[in-house]
Amino acid sequence: MHQEYICATPAWRQEGPQYDCVFVMTGPELEGMHSMHGMGIACILHFFSFKSGGIYYPCAVMHWFDRIGDEPDETTGMWTVHLSLNRHDECNISVIHVDTIFRAVHLIPIYGQDFILQDIVPCHSYDTFHSFYVNKFADHHAFEVAY
């Protein structure tokens, strides 16, 4: 069985925050809303759990990404996404059960033609860049999931 660690922490090794991104099983009924073939992309902001009626619910607070276009980028063959905003231009955040998290995903910033500041650190990537490639070349699992 494959196991991986997914992080959501405000202080990672005294170098700043680390909020991992994941594939989330959204199902075919939400196709087009956040998803690529039943999979959505989200950034985990926080893990928490609660008990209700004697049942334990492990959950995660997520900031969703929206797909750009209906198919992968023609040049790279990778899907492109950007952070999702609601109709009030606020972050599209929700709480999900951790069982809907399929696996981690690697996002590559779309850099554009401008120079990148030398003092940028990885933890500021989601704030600095506006859109990202979903890296299908990270490993064979990522390739199979999204393509």
N, C-alpha and C. Protein backbone atom coordinates (compact mmCIF):
# COMPACT_ATOMS: atom_id res chain seq x y z
N MET A 1 0.83 -1.18 0.00
CA MET A 1 0.00 0.00 0.00
C MET A 1 0.88 1.25 0.00
N HIS A 2 0.54 2.21 -0.83
CA HIS A 2 1.30 3.46 -0.95
C HIS A 2 0.85 4.43 0.13
N GLN A 3 1.81 5.12 0.73
CA GLN A 3 1.50 6.11 1.76
C GLN A 3 2.36 7.34 1.51
N GLU A 4 1.78 8.52 1.67
CA GLU A 4 2.54 9.75 1.55
C GLU A 4 2.07 10.73 2.61
N TYR A 5 2.95 11.65 2.96
CA TYR A 5 2.63 12.66 3.95
C TYR A 5 2.17 13.92 3.24
N ILE A 6 1.10 14.49 3.72
CA ILE A 6 0.57 15.74 3.18
C ILE A 6 0.58 16.74 4.33
N CYS A 7 1.19 17.89 4.09
CA CYS A 7 1.41 18.86 5.16
C CYS A 7 0.52 20.09 5.04
N ALA A 8 0.17 20.62 6.18
CA ALA A 8 -0.50 21.92 6.30
C ALA A 8 -0.01 22.51 7.61
N THR A 9 1.04 23.32 7.53
CA THR A 9 1.64 23.85 8.74
C THR A 9 2.13 25.28 8.53
N PRO A 10 1.92 26.14 9.52
CA PRO A 10 2.37 27.53 9.39
C PRO A 10 3.88 27.72 9.59
N ALA A 11 4.57 26.69 10.10
CA ALA A 11 6.02 26.79 10.31
C ALA A 11 6.67 25.46 9.99
N TRP A 12 7.29 25.36 8.82
CA TRP A 12 7.94 24.13 8.39
C TRP A 12 9.45 24.32 8.47
N ARG A 13 10.08 23.62 9.41
CA ARG A 13 11.53 23.66 9.59
C ARG A 13 12.07 25.08 9.74
N GLN A 14 11.35 25.92 10.42
CA GLN A 14 11.72 27.31 10.69
C GLN A 14 12.00 28.11 9.41
N GLU A 15 11.38 27.72 8.30
CA GLU A 15 11.61 28.42 7.03
C GLU A 15 10.33 28.99 6.46
N GLY A 16 9.24 28.92 7.13
CA GLY A 16 7.99 29.43 6.61
C GLY A 16 6.95 28.34 6.49
N PRO A 17 5.77 28.69 6.05
CA PRO A 17 4.68 27.73 5.99
C PRO A 17 4.82 26.72 4.84
N GLN A 18 4.14 25.60 4.99
CA GLN A 18 4.02 24.62 3.90
C GLN A 18 2.59 24.13 3.86
N TYR A 19 1.92 24.46 2.78
CA TYR A 19 0.54 24.03 2.56
C TYR A 19 0.51 23.24 1.26
N ASP A 20 0.43 21.92 1.39
CA ASP A 20 0.49 21.05 0.22
C ASP A 20 -0.81 21.10 -0.58
N CYS A 21 -0.69 20.80 -1.86
CA CYS A 21 -1.85 20.70 -2.74
C CYS A 21 -2.16 19.24 -3.01
N VAL A 22 -3.43 18.96 -3.26
CA VAL A 22 -3.87 17.58 -3.42
C VAL A 22 -4.90 17.46 -4.54
N PHE A 23 -5.01 16.23 -5.06
CA PHE A 23 -6.14 15.85 -5.89
C PHE A 23 -7.27 15.47 -4.92
N VAL A 24 -8.46 15.99 -5.16
CA VAL A 24 -9.62 15.67 -4.33
C VAL A 24 -10.66 14.99 -5.22
N MET A 25 -11.20 13.88 -4.75
CA MET A 25 -12.24 13.18 -5.51
C MET A 25 -13.54 13.97 -5.39
N THR A 26 -13.92 14.64 -6.48
CA THR A 26 -15.14 15.43 -6.47
C THR A 26 -16.30 14.69 -7.13
N GLY A 27 -15.98 13.72 -7.97
CA GLY A 27 -17.02 12.95 -8.64
C GLY A 27 -17.44 13.56 -9.95
N PRO A 28 -17.97 12.74 -10.83
CA PRO A 28 -18.36 13.22 -12.16
C PRO A 28 -19.51 14.23 -12.13
N GLU A 29 -20.30 14.23 -11.06
CA GLU A 29 -21.41 15.18 -10.99
C GLU A 29 -20.95 16.62 -10.85
N LEU A 30 -19.70 16.83 -10.43
CA LEU A 30 -19.15 18.17 -10.31
C LEU A 30 -18.19 18.51 -11.45
N GLU A 31 -18.17 17.68 -12.48
CA GLU A 31 -17.28 17.91 -13.62
C GLU A 31 -17.47 19.32 -14.14
N GLY A 32 -16.39 20.04 -14.32
CA GLY A 32 -16.46 21.39 -14.84
C GLY A 32 -16.45 22.44 -13.74
N MET A 33 -16.87 22.09 -12.53
CA MET A 33 -16.87 23.07 -11.45
C MET A 33 -15.44 23.30 -10.95
N HIS A 34 -14.84 22.29 -10.38
CA HIS A 34 -13.45 22.38 -9.94
C HIS A 34 -12.62 21.27 -10.56
N SER A 35 -13.21 20.36 -11.30
CA SER A 35 -12.55 19.09 -11.50
C SER A 35 -12.00 18.81 -12.88
N MET A 36 -11.09 17.85 -12.90
CA MET A 36 -10.54 17.25 -14.10
C MET A 36 -10.91 15.78 -14.03
N HIS A 37 -11.89 15.37 -14.78
CA HIS A 37 -12.31 13.97 -14.81
C HIS A 37 -12.65 13.45 -13.41
N GLY A 38 -13.42 14.22 -12.67
CA GLY A 38 -13.82 13.80 -11.34
C GLY A 38 -12.82 14.11 -10.24
N MET A 39 -11.72 14.77 -10.58
CA MET A 39 -10.71 15.15 -9.59
C MET A 39 -10.59 16.66 -9.56
N GLY A 40 -10.62 17.22 -8.36
CA GLY A 40 -10.39 18.64 -8.17
C GLY A 40 -9.00 18.86 -7.61
N ILE A 41 -8.53 20.08 -7.66
CA ILE A 41 -7.24 20.45 -7.09
C ILE A 41 -7.51 21.45 -5.97
N ALA A 42 -6.87 21.23 -4.83
CA ALA A 42 -7.06 22.14 -3.70
C ALA A 42 -5.77 22.22 -2.89
N CYS A 43 -5.64 23.33 -2.19
CA CYS A 43 -4.52 23.55 -1.27
C CYS A 43 -5.05 23.35 0.15
N ILE A 44 -4.39 22.49 0.90
CA ILE A 44 -4.83 22.23 2.27
C ILE A 44 -4.34 23.35 3.18
N LEU A 45 -5.26 23.95 3.90
CA LEU A 45 -4.92 25.03 4.82
C LEU A 45 -4.83 24.56 6.27
N HIS A 46 -5.60 23.51 6.60
CA HIS A 46 -5.63 23.07 7.99
C HIS A 46 -6.30 21.69 8.08
N PHE A 47 -5.77 20.84 8.93
CA PHE A 47 -6.41 19.56 9.27
C PHE A 47 -7.04 19.70 10.64
N PHE A 48 -8.21 19.10 10.81
CA PHE A 48 -8.85 19.06 12.13
C PHE A 48 -9.79 17.87 12.16
N SER A 49 -10.27 17.54 13.33
CA SER A 49 -11.24 16.44 13.46
C SER A 49 -12.21 16.79 14.58
N PHE A 50 -13.34 16.11 14.54
CA PHE A 50 -14.33 16.26 15.60
C PHE A 50 -15.11 14.97 15.73
N LYS A 51 -15.79 14.84 16.84
CA LYS A 51 -16.63 13.69 17.11
C LYS A 51 -18.07 14.16 17.24
N SER A 52 -18.96 13.44 16.60
CA SER A 52 -20.38 13.74 16.71
C SER A 52 -21.14 12.42 16.74
N GLY A 53 -21.95 12.26 17.76
CA GLY A 53 -22.70 11.01 17.91
C GLY A 53 -21.79 9.80 18.01
N GLY A 54 -20.61 9.99 18.60
CA GLY A 54 -19.67 8.88 18.75
C GLY A 54 -18.89 8.55 17.48
N ILE A 55 -19.10 9.31 16.42
CA ILE A 55 -18.40 9.07 15.15
C ILE A 55 -17.31 10.12 14.98
N TYR A 56 -16.12 9.64 14.62
CA TYR A 56 -14.95 10.50 14.42
C TYR A 56 -14.90 10.97 12.97
N TYR A 57 -14.76 12.28 12.76
CA TYR A 57 -14.71 12.86 11.41
C TYR A 57 -13.39 13.61 11.21
N PRO A 58 -12.43 13.01 10.48
CA PRO A 58 -11.21 13.75 10.14
C PRO A 58 -11.48 14.64 8.93
N CYS A 59 -11.14 15.90 9.04
CA CYS A 59 -11.48 16.87 7.99
C CYS A 59 -10.28 17.73 7.61
N ALA A 60 -10.44 18.46 6.52
CA ALA A 60 -9.42 19.41 6.07
C ALA A 60 -10.12 20.65 5.53
N VAL A 61 -9.54 21.80 5.81
CA VAL A 61 -9.99 23.07 5.23
C VAL A 61 -9.19 23.26 3.95
N MET A 62 -9.89 23.49 2.84
CA MET A 62 -9.25 23.55 1.53
C MET A 62 -9.52 24.87 0.82
N HIS A 63 -8.52 25.34 0.09
CA HIS A 63 -8.71 26.46 -0.85
C HIS A 63 -8.65 25.84 -2.24
N TRP A 64 -9.75 25.93 -2.96
CA TRP A 64 -9.88 25.29 -4.27
C TRP A 64 -9.15 26.04 -5.37
N PHE A 65 -8.76 25.29 -6.38
CA PHE A 65 -8.26 25.83 -7.64
C PHE A 65 -9.30 25.53 -8.71
N ASP A 66 -9.44 26.42 -9.67
CA ASP A 66 -10.31 26.20 -10.82
C ASP A 66 -9.46 25.90 -12.04
N ARG A 67 -9.97 25.03 -12.87
CA ARG A 67 -9.34 24.72 -14.15
C ARG A 67 -9.38 25.93 -15.06
N ILE A 68 -8.36 26.09 -15.88
CA ILE A 68 -8.37 27.10 -16.94
C ILE A 68 -8.56 26.34 -18.24
N GLY A 69 -9.72 26.46 -18.84
CA GLY A 69 -9.99 25.76 -20.09
C GLY A 69 -10.57 24.38 -19.87
N ASP A 70 -10.97 23.77 -20.97
CA ASP A 70 -11.62 22.46 -20.93
C ASP A 70 -10.69 21.31 -21.28
N GLU A 71 -9.43 21.62 -21.57
CA GLU A 71 -8.46 20.58 -21.89
C GLU A 71 -7.07 21.08 -21.52
N PRO A 72 -6.11 20.16 -21.47
CA PRO A 72 -4.74 20.57 -21.10
C PRO A 72 -4.16 21.58 -22.08
N ASP A 73 -3.16 22.32 -21.60
CA ASP A 73 -2.44 23.29 -22.41
C ASP A 73 -1.86 22.59 -23.64
N GLU A 74 -2.02 23.21 -24.80
CA GLU A 74 -1.59 22.60 -26.05
C GLU A 74 -0.07 22.42 -26.13
N THR A 75 0.69 23.36 -25.59
CA THR A 75 2.15 23.31 -25.67
C THR A 75 2.75 22.30 -24.71
N THR A 76 2.30 22.31 -23.46
CA THR A 76 2.91 21.47 -22.43
C THR A 76 2.19 20.14 -22.23
N GLY A 77 0.93 20.09 -22.59
CA GLY A 77 0.13 18.90 -22.32
C GLY A 77 -0.33 18.81 -20.88
N MET A 78 -0.13 19.87 -20.11
CA MET A 78 -0.52 19.87 -18.70
C MET A 78 -1.75 20.75 -18.50
N TRP A 79 -2.62 20.34 -17.57
CA TRP A 79 -3.75 21.18 -17.19
C TRP A 79 -3.23 22.45 -16.54
N THR A 80 -3.98 23.52 -16.65
CA THR A 80 -3.64 24.76 -15.95
C THR A 80 -4.77 25.11 -15.00
N VAL A 81 -4.38 25.67 -13.85
CA VAL A 81 -5.36 26.02 -12.82
C VAL A 81 -5.01 27.38 -12.23
N HIS A 82 -5.97 28.00 -11.58
CA HIS A 82 -5.74 29.22 -10.81
C HIS A 82 -6.57 29.15 -9.55
N LEU A 83 -6.18 29.92 -8.53
CA LEU A 83 -6.92 29.91 -7.27
C LEU A 83 -8.36 30.33 -7.52
N SER A 84 -9.28 29.63 -6.92
CA SER A 84 -10.71 29.86 -7.11
C SER A 84 -11.22 30.96 -6.18
N LEU A 85 -12.04 31.83 -6.73
CA LEU A 85 -12.69 32.88 -5.95
C LEU A 85 -14.20 32.72 -6.09
N ASN A 86 -14.94 33.09 -5.05
CA ASN A 86 -16.40 33.03 -5.14
C ASN A 86 -16.93 34.29 -5.80
N ARG A 87 -18.24 34.44 -5.85
CA ARG A 87 -18.84 35.58 -6.56
C ARG A 87 -18.55 36.93 -5.90
N HIS A 88 -18.03 36.92 -4.67
CA HIS A 88 -17.67 38.15 -3.97
C HIS A 88 -16.15 38.40 -4.03
N ASP A 89 -15.46 37.67 -4.91
CA ASP A 89 -14.01 37.75 -5.06
C ASP A 89 -13.26 37.39 -3.78
N GLU A 90 -13.83 36.46 -3.01
CA GLU A 90 -13.19 35.94 -1.80
C GLU A 90 -12.71 34.52 -2.11
N CYS A 91 -11.72 34.08 -1.38
CA CYS A 91 -11.19 32.72 -1.58
C CYS A 91 -12.30 31.69 -1.47
N ASN A 92 -12.32 30.75 -2.39
CA ASN A 92 -13.29 29.67 -2.39
C ASN A 92 -12.77 28.56 -1.47
N ILE A 93 -13.23 28.59 -0.22
CA ILE A 93 -12.74 27.68 0.81
C ILE A 93 -13.87 26.77 1.26
N SER A 94 -13.52 25.51 1.52
CA SER A 94 -14.52 24.59 2.04
C SER A 94 -13.86 23.58 2.96
N VAL A 95 -14.70 22.83 3.66
CA VAL A 95 -14.25 21.75 4.55
C VAL A 95 -14.66 20.44 3.91
N ILE A 96 -13.71 19.51 3.84
CA ILE A 96 -13.99 18.19 3.26
C ILE A 96 -13.54 17.10 4.22
N HIS A 97 -14.05 15.91 4.04
CA HIS A 97 -13.59 14.73 4.77
C HIS A 97 -12.27 14.29 4.15
N VAL A 98 -11.30 13.90 4.98
CA VAL A 98 -9.99 13.54 4.43
C VAL A 98 -10.03 12.30 3.53
N ASP A 99 -11.08 11.50 3.63
CA ASP A 99 -11.19 10.34 2.75
C ASP A 99 -11.39 10.71 1.29
N THR A 100 -11.75 11.98 1.02
CA THR A 100 -11.91 12.40 -0.37
C THR A 100 -10.60 12.89 -0.98
N ILE A 101 -9.54 12.98 -0.16
CA ILE A 101 -8.21 13.33 -0.68
C ILE A 101 -7.62 12.09 -1.34
N PHE A 102 -7.30 12.22 -2.62
CA PHE A 102 -6.78 11.08 -3.37
C PHE A 102 -5.27 10.95 -3.23
N ARG A 103 -4.55 12.04 -3.47
CA ARG A 103 -3.10 12.04 -3.35
C ARG A 103 -2.57 13.45 -3.50
N ALA A 104 -1.31 13.65 -3.20
CA ALA A 104 -0.68 14.96 -3.36
C ALA A 104 -0.51 15.27 -4.85
N VAL A 105 -0.46 16.55 -5.15
CA VAL A 105 -0.24 17.00 -6.52
C VAL A 105 0.82 18.09 -6.50
N HIS A 106 1.62 18.13 -7.56
CA HIS A 106 2.67 19.14 -7.67
C HIS A 106 2.24 20.19 -8.68
N LEU A 107 2.22 21.45 -8.25
CA LEU A 107 1.86 22.55 -9.13
C LEU A 107 3.11 23.35 -9.48
N ILE A 108 3.23 23.72 -10.75
CA ILE A 108 4.36 24.51 -11.25
C ILE A 108 3.82 25.89 -11.61
N PRO A 109 4.38 26.95 -11.04
CA PRO A 109 3.91 28.29 -11.41
C PRO A 109 4.09 28.55 -12.90
N ILE A 110 3.15 29.28 -13.48
CA ILE A 110 3.31 29.75 -14.85
C ILE A 110 3.98 31.11 -14.73
N TYR A 111 5.24 31.16 -15.09
CA TYR A 111 6.09 32.31 -14.78
C TYR A 111 5.83 33.54 -15.64
N GLY A 112 5.45 33.36 -16.86
CA GLY A 112 5.27 34.51 -17.74
C GLY A 112 6.59 34.99 -18.28
N GLN A 113 6.63 36.24 -18.74
CA GLN A 113 7.83 36.77 -19.38
C GLN A 113 8.62 37.72 -18.49
N ASP A 114 8.10 38.06 -17.33
CA ASP A 114 8.80 38.98 -16.43
C ASP A 114 9.84 38.24 -15.60
N PHE A 115 10.83 38.98 -15.13
CA PHE A 115 11.83 38.41 -14.23
C PHE A 115 11.18 38.08 -12.89
N ILE A 116 11.69 37.05 -12.26
CA ILE A 116 11.21 36.65 -10.94
C ILE A 116 12.12 37.29 -9.90
N LEU A 117 11.53 37.85 -8.86
CA LEU A 117 12.32 38.47 -7.79
C LEU A 117 13.25 37.45 -7.15
N GLN A 118 14.45 37.87 -6.82
CA GLN A 118 15.44 36.95 -6.24
C GLN A 118 15.09 36.54 -4.82
N ASP A 119 14.31 37.37 -4.12
CA ASP A 119 14.01 37.07 -2.73
C ASP A 119 12.74 36.24 -2.55
N ILE A 120 12.16 35.75 -3.63
CA ILE A 120 10.95 34.92 -3.51
C ILE A 120 11.34 33.56 -2.90
N VAL A 121 10.50 33.09 -2.00
CA VAL A 121 10.70 31.79 -1.37
C VAL A 121 9.52 30.89 -1.75
N PRO A 122 9.72 29.57 -1.75
CA PRO A 122 8.66 28.66 -2.19
C PRO A 122 7.31 28.86 -1.49
N CYS A 123 7.33 29.21 -0.21
CA CYS A 123 6.06 29.34 0.52
C CYS A 123 5.22 30.52 0.04
N HIS A 124 5.78 31.40 -0.78
CA HIS A 124 5.01 32.53 -1.31
C HIS A 124 4.51 32.30 -2.73
N SER A 125 4.74 31.12 -3.29
CA SER A 125 4.38 30.84 -4.68
C SER A 125 2.89 31.04 -4.96
N TYR A 126 2.02 30.57 -4.07
CA TYR A 126 0.58 30.68 -4.32
C TYR A 126 0.10 32.13 -4.27
N ASP A 127 0.84 32.97 -3.56
CA ASP A 127 0.50 34.40 -3.49
C ASP A 127 1.13 35.19 -4.62
N THR A 128 2.29 34.76 -5.08
CA THR A 128 3.04 35.50 -6.09
C THR A 128 2.55 35.23 -7.51
N PHE A 129 2.24 33.98 -7.80
CA PHE A 129 1.83 33.59 -9.16
C PHE A 129 0.32 33.43 -9.23
N HIS A 130 -0.23 33.67 -10.40
CA HIS A 130 -1.68 33.66 -10.56
C HIS A 130 -2.22 32.37 -11.15
N SER A 131 -1.38 31.63 -11.86
CA SER A 131 -1.83 30.38 -12.44
C SER A 131 -0.69 29.37 -12.41
N PHE A 132 -1.07 28.09 -12.53
CA PHE A 132 -0.12 27.00 -12.32
C PHE A 132 -0.40 25.86 -13.29
N TYR A 133 0.66 25.12 -13.63
CA TYR A 133 0.52 23.87 -14.36
C TYR A 133 0.35 22.75 -13.35
N VAL A 134 -0.52 21.78 -13.65
CA VAL A 134 -0.62 20.56 -12.84
C VAL A 134 0.42 19.61 -13.40
N ASN A 135 1.47 19.35 -12.65
CA ASN A 135 2.63 18.60 -13.15
C ASN A 135 2.32 17.12 -13.32
N LYS A 136 2.11 16.72 -14.55
CA LYS A 136 1.84 15.31 -14.82
C LYS A 136 3.12 14.49 -14.84
N PHE A 137 4.27 15.15 -14.83
CA PHE A 137 5.55 14.45 -14.88
C PHE A 137 6.15 14.21 -13.49
N ALA A 138 5.44 14.58 -12.43
CA ALA A 138 5.97 14.39 -11.07
C ALA A 138 6.24 12.92 -10.79
N ASP A 139 5.34 12.05 -11.18
CA ASP A 139 5.52 10.60 -11.08
C ASP A 139 4.45 9.93 -11.92
N HIS A 140 4.53 8.61 -12.04
CA HIS A 140 3.58 7.92 -12.92
C HIS A 140 2.15 7.95 -12.36
N HIS A 141 2.01 8.07 -11.04
CA HIS A 141 0.66 8.15 -10.47
C HIS A 141 -0.03 9.45 -10.90
N ALA A 142 0.69 10.55 -10.84
CA ALA A 142 0.12 11.84 -11.26
C ALA A 142 -0.25 11.79 -12.73
N PHE A 143 0.59 11.17 -13.53
CA PHE A 143 0.32 11.06 -14.97
C PHE A 143 -0.98 10.29 -15.21
N GLU A 144 -1.20 9.20 -14.48
CA GLU A 144 -2.39 8.39 -14.65
C GLU A 144 -3.65 9.07 -14.14
N VAL A 145 -3.52 9.85 -13.06
CA VAL A 145 -4.70 10.47 -12.43
C VAL A 145 -5.32 11.54 -13.30
N ALA A 146 -4.50 12.43 -13.80
CA ALA A 146 -5.04 13.63 -14.46
C ALA A 146 -5.07 13.55 -15.98
N TYR A 147 -4.53 12.49 -16.58
CA TYR A 147 -4.42 12.51 -18.03
C TYR A 147 -4.88 11.26 -18.69
